[in-house]
N, C-alpha and C. Protein backbone atom coordinates (compact mmCIF):
# COMPACT_ATOMS: atom_id res chain seq x y z
N MET A 1 -10.79 5.90 17.08
CA MET A 1 -9.46 5.45 16.74
C MET A 1 -9.23 4.11 17.39
N ASP A 2 -8.92 3.13 16.61
CA ASP A 2 -8.59 1.83 17.14
C ASP A 2 -7.12 1.79 17.49
N ILE A 3 -6.78 1.13 18.59
CA ILE A 3 -5.39 1.01 19.00
C ILE A 3 -4.70 0.02 18.07
N LYS A 4 -3.59 0.45 17.48
CA LYS A 4 -2.84 -0.40 16.57
C LYS A 4 -1.47 -0.64 17.18
N LYS A 5 -1.19 -1.87 17.59
CA LYS A 5 0.10 -2.18 18.18
C LYS A 5 1.18 -2.15 17.11
N ASN A 6 2.37 -1.69 17.50
CA ASN A 6 3.52 -1.62 16.62
C ASN A 6 3.28 -0.72 15.41
N SER A 7 2.38 0.22 15.49
CA SER A 7 2.14 1.17 14.41
C SER A 7 2.84 2.49 14.74
N THR A 8 3.20 3.20 13.69
CA THR A 8 3.86 4.48 13.85
C THR A 8 2.84 5.56 14.15
N LEU A 9 3.16 6.39 15.12
CA LEU A 9 2.32 7.55 15.42
C LEU A 9 2.90 8.78 14.74
N TYR A 10 2.03 9.69 14.36
CA TYR A 10 2.42 10.93 13.70
C TYR A 10 1.84 12.12 14.47
N LYS A 11 2.52 13.26 14.34
CA LYS A 11 2.00 14.51 14.87
C LYS A 11 1.15 15.11 13.77
N ARG A 12 -0.15 15.25 14.03
CA ARG A 12 -1.08 15.76 13.02
C ARG A 12 -1.70 17.05 13.54
N TYR A 13 -1.34 18.16 12.91
CA TYR A 13 -1.90 19.45 13.33
C TYR A 13 -3.35 19.55 12.87
N VAL A 14 -4.18 20.07 13.75
CA VAL A 14 -5.62 20.14 13.48
C VAL A 14 -6.15 21.52 13.88
N ASN A 15 -7.30 21.87 13.33
CA ASN A 15 -8.00 23.08 13.73
C ASN A 15 -8.91 22.75 14.89
N VAL A 16 -8.94 23.63 15.86
CA VAL A 16 -9.76 23.43 17.06
C VAL A 16 -10.55 24.70 17.32
N ILE A 17 -11.81 24.53 17.64
CA ILE A 17 -12.63 25.64 18.12
C ILE A 17 -12.61 25.53 19.64
N ALA A 18 -12.12 26.57 20.29
CA ALA A 18 -11.95 26.54 21.74
C ALA A 18 -12.49 27.81 22.36
N GLU A 19 -12.77 27.73 23.64
CA GLU A 19 -13.21 28.89 24.40
C GLU A 19 -12.08 29.31 25.33
N ALA A 20 -11.80 30.59 25.38
CA ALA A 20 -10.82 31.13 26.32
C ALA A 20 -11.59 31.92 27.38
N ASP A 21 -11.39 31.57 28.65
CA ASP A 21 -12.09 32.30 29.69
C ASP A 21 -11.32 33.57 30.07
N LYS A 22 -11.85 34.33 31.00
CA LYS A 22 -11.25 35.63 31.33
C LYS A 22 -9.89 35.49 32.01
N LEU A 23 -9.55 34.27 32.47
CA LEU A 23 -8.23 34.03 33.05
C LEU A 23 -7.24 33.49 32.02
N GLY A 24 -7.72 33.26 30.80
CA GLY A 24 -6.85 32.76 29.74
C GLY A 24 -6.83 31.25 29.59
N ASN A 25 -7.64 30.56 30.36
CA ASN A 25 -7.71 29.10 30.25
C ASN A 25 -8.45 28.71 28.97
N LEU A 26 -7.88 27.75 28.23
CA LEU A 26 -8.49 27.27 26.99
C LEU A 26 -9.28 25.99 27.23
N THR A 27 -10.46 25.94 26.64
CA THR A 27 -11.29 24.73 26.67
C THR A 27 -11.65 24.37 25.24
N PRO A 28 -11.08 23.27 24.71
CA PRO A 28 -11.43 22.87 23.35
C PRO A 28 -12.87 22.37 23.31
N ILE A 29 -13.61 22.77 22.27
CA ILE A 29 -15.02 22.40 22.14
C ILE A 29 -15.24 21.50 20.92
N TYR A 30 -14.62 21.86 19.81
CA TYR A 30 -14.75 21.09 18.56
C TYR A 30 -13.38 20.91 17.93
N LEU A 31 -13.20 19.79 17.26
CA LEU A 31 -12.04 19.54 16.41
C LEU A 31 -12.54 19.56 14.97
N ARG A 32 -11.88 20.35 14.12
CA ARG A 32 -12.29 20.44 12.71
C ARG A 32 -11.27 19.69 11.87
N TRP A 33 -11.73 18.66 11.15
CA TRP A 33 -10.89 17.82 10.31
C TRP A 33 -10.57 18.52 8.99
N GLU A 34 -9.66 17.96 8.20
CA GLU A 34 -9.24 18.59 6.94
C GLU A 34 -10.39 18.81 5.97
N ASP A 35 -11.39 17.93 6.00
CA ASP A 35 -12.53 18.07 5.09
C ASP A 35 -13.61 18.98 5.67
N ASN A 36 -13.26 19.76 6.69
CA ASN A 36 -14.15 20.69 7.40
C ASN A 36 -15.22 20.03 8.25
N GLN A 37 -15.15 18.72 8.42
CA GLN A 37 -16.10 18.02 9.29
C GLN A 37 -15.78 18.38 10.75
N LEU A 38 -16.81 18.72 11.50
CA LEU A 38 -16.65 19.07 12.91
C LEU A 38 -16.92 17.85 13.79
N PHE A 39 -16.06 17.68 14.80
CA PHE A 39 -16.26 16.63 15.79
C PHE A 39 -16.35 17.29 17.15
N LYS A 40 -17.46 17.10 17.83
CA LYS A 40 -17.66 17.69 19.16
C LYS A 40 -16.82 16.93 20.17
N ILE A 41 -16.13 17.66 21.02
CA ILE A 41 -15.40 17.04 22.12
C ILE A 41 -16.43 16.80 23.22
N ASP A 42 -16.74 15.53 23.43
CA ASP A 42 -17.81 15.16 24.36
C ASP A 42 -17.40 15.35 25.82
N LYS A 43 -16.13 15.08 26.11
CA LYS A 43 -15.69 15.17 27.50
C LYS A 43 -14.19 15.41 27.54
N ILE A 44 -13.77 16.26 28.47
CA ILE A 44 -12.36 16.43 28.76
C ILE A 44 -12.06 15.58 29.99
N ILE A 45 -11.21 14.59 29.80
CA ILE A 45 -10.92 13.63 30.87
C ILE A 45 -9.82 14.15 31.79
N GLU A 46 -8.83 14.81 31.19
CA GLU A 46 -7.68 15.26 31.97
C GLU A 46 -7.00 16.41 31.23
N ILE A 47 -6.44 17.34 31.99
CA ILE A 47 -5.65 18.44 31.44
C ILE A 47 -4.37 18.50 32.26
N ARG A 48 -3.20 18.43 31.55
CA ARG A 48 -1.93 18.53 32.27
C ARG A 48 -0.81 18.82 31.28
N GLN A 49 0.30 19.31 31.80
CA GLN A 49 1.51 19.49 31.00
C GLN A 49 2.06 18.11 30.69
N SER A 50 2.46 17.87 29.43
CA SER A 50 2.94 16.55 29.07
C SER A 50 3.82 16.60 27.83
N VAL A 51 4.59 15.54 27.63
CA VAL A 51 5.39 15.34 26.43
C VAL A 51 4.65 14.34 25.56
N SER A 52 4.59 14.62 24.27
CA SER A 52 3.91 13.73 23.34
C SER A 52 4.82 12.59 22.92
N ARG A 53 4.24 11.45 22.62
CA ARG A 53 5.01 10.30 22.12
C ARG A 53 5.54 10.56 20.71
N VAL A 54 5.00 11.56 20.02
CA VAL A 54 5.44 11.86 18.65
C VAL A 54 6.38 13.06 18.60
N GLY A 55 6.78 13.55 19.74
CA GLY A 55 7.67 14.70 19.79
C GLY A 55 6.91 15.96 20.12
N GLY A 56 7.56 16.84 20.78
CA GLY A 56 6.92 18.08 21.20
C GLY A 56 6.30 17.93 22.58
N ASN A 57 5.92 19.04 23.12
CA ASN A 57 5.26 19.02 24.42
C ASN A 57 4.34 20.22 24.51
N GLY A 58 3.51 20.20 25.50
CA GLY A 58 2.55 21.28 25.71
C GLY A 58 1.51 20.85 26.70
N ILE A 59 0.35 21.40 26.56
CA ILE A 59 -0.76 21.04 27.43
C ILE A 59 -1.51 19.88 26.78
N LEU A 60 -1.57 18.77 27.49
CA LEU A 60 -2.29 17.59 27.02
C LEU A 60 -3.73 17.67 27.49
N TYR A 61 -4.64 17.53 26.54
CA TYR A 61 -6.07 17.39 26.84
C TYR A 61 -6.43 15.96 26.46
N ARG A 62 -6.65 15.11 27.45
CA ARG A 62 -7.19 13.77 27.15
C ARG A 62 -8.68 13.97 26.98
N VAL A 63 -9.16 13.71 25.76
CA VAL A 63 -10.56 14.01 25.45
C VAL A 63 -11.27 12.77 24.92
N ARG A 64 -12.58 12.81 25.00
CA ARG A 64 -13.42 11.77 24.41
C ARG A 64 -14.21 12.40 23.27
N ILE A 65 -14.05 11.81 22.07
CA ILE A 65 -14.76 12.24 20.87
C ILE A 65 -15.43 11.01 20.28
N GLN A 66 -16.74 11.00 20.21
CA GLN A 66 -17.50 9.88 19.67
C GLN A 66 -17.08 8.56 20.32
N ASN A 67 -17.05 8.54 21.64
CA ASN A 67 -16.71 7.36 22.44
C ASN A 67 -15.29 6.85 22.27
N ARG A 68 -14.40 7.68 21.74
CA ARG A 68 -13.00 7.29 21.58
C ARG A 68 -12.12 8.32 22.27
N GLU A 69 -11.15 7.82 23.01
CA GLU A 69 -10.24 8.72 23.70
C GLU A 69 -9.12 9.14 22.76
N ARG A 70 -8.80 10.43 22.76
CA ARG A 70 -7.72 10.98 21.94
C ARG A 70 -6.85 11.87 22.81
N HIS A 71 -5.59 11.99 22.41
CA HIS A 71 -4.67 12.92 23.05
C HIS A 71 -4.57 14.14 22.16
N LEU A 72 -5.07 15.26 22.65
CA LEU A 72 -5.05 16.52 21.94
C LEU A 72 -4.09 17.44 22.69
N PHE A 73 -3.11 17.99 21.97
CA PHE A 73 -2.10 18.85 22.59
C PHE A 73 -2.24 20.28 22.11
N TYR A 74 -2.04 21.21 23.04
CA TYR A 74 -1.90 22.62 22.69
C TYR A 74 -0.42 22.95 22.89
N GLU A 75 0.28 23.20 21.77
CA GLU A 75 1.72 23.42 21.79
C GLU A 75 2.01 24.84 21.29
N ILE A 76 2.45 25.69 22.17
CA ILE A 76 2.73 27.10 21.92
C ILE A 76 1.47 27.80 21.41
N ASN A 77 1.19 27.80 20.11
CA ASN A 77 -0.01 28.49 19.62
C ASN A 77 -0.77 27.66 18.59
N ARG A 78 -0.62 26.33 18.63
CA ARG A 78 -1.39 25.48 17.71
C ARG A 78 -1.66 24.13 18.33
N TRP A 79 -2.61 23.42 17.75
CA TRP A 79 -3.11 22.16 18.27
C TRP A 79 -2.65 21.00 17.41
N PHE A 80 -2.37 19.85 18.06
CA PHE A 80 -2.12 18.62 17.29
C PHE A 80 -2.63 17.41 18.05
N ILE A 81 -2.86 16.34 17.29
CA ILE A 81 -3.25 15.06 17.88
C ILE A 81 -2.18 14.04 17.53
N GLU A 82 -2.12 12.97 18.32
CA GLU A 82 -1.30 11.81 17.98
C GLU A 82 -2.16 10.94 17.08
N SER A 83 -1.68 10.69 15.86
CA SER A 83 -2.50 10.03 14.86
C SER A 83 -1.73 8.88 14.21
N TYR A 84 -2.45 7.85 13.78
CA TYR A 84 -1.84 6.74 13.06
C TYR A 84 -1.74 7.01 11.56
N THR A 85 -2.28 8.15 11.11
CA THR A 85 -2.15 8.54 9.71
C THR A 85 -1.50 9.92 9.66
N PRO A 86 -0.56 10.11 8.73
CA PRO A 86 0.13 11.41 8.65
C PRO A 86 -0.78 12.54 8.20
């Protein structure tokens, strides 16, 4: 994702394949796009409670996917990313 100044961000719900450990902690492993393409989450940079710039709040996972940093949120019972396309 290239940074676009003065561009509108959207809340884009996505499918995520995640692992839940015995304590209930979630670790996202793959993000599945609308065309069923899988993107491996290469690294989790940070996990914390946060408010999204596009509205909503939840657990923020700052992740690296294909050398690009993305903000992936777990909000109640579903996942979304901050995206420049709706």
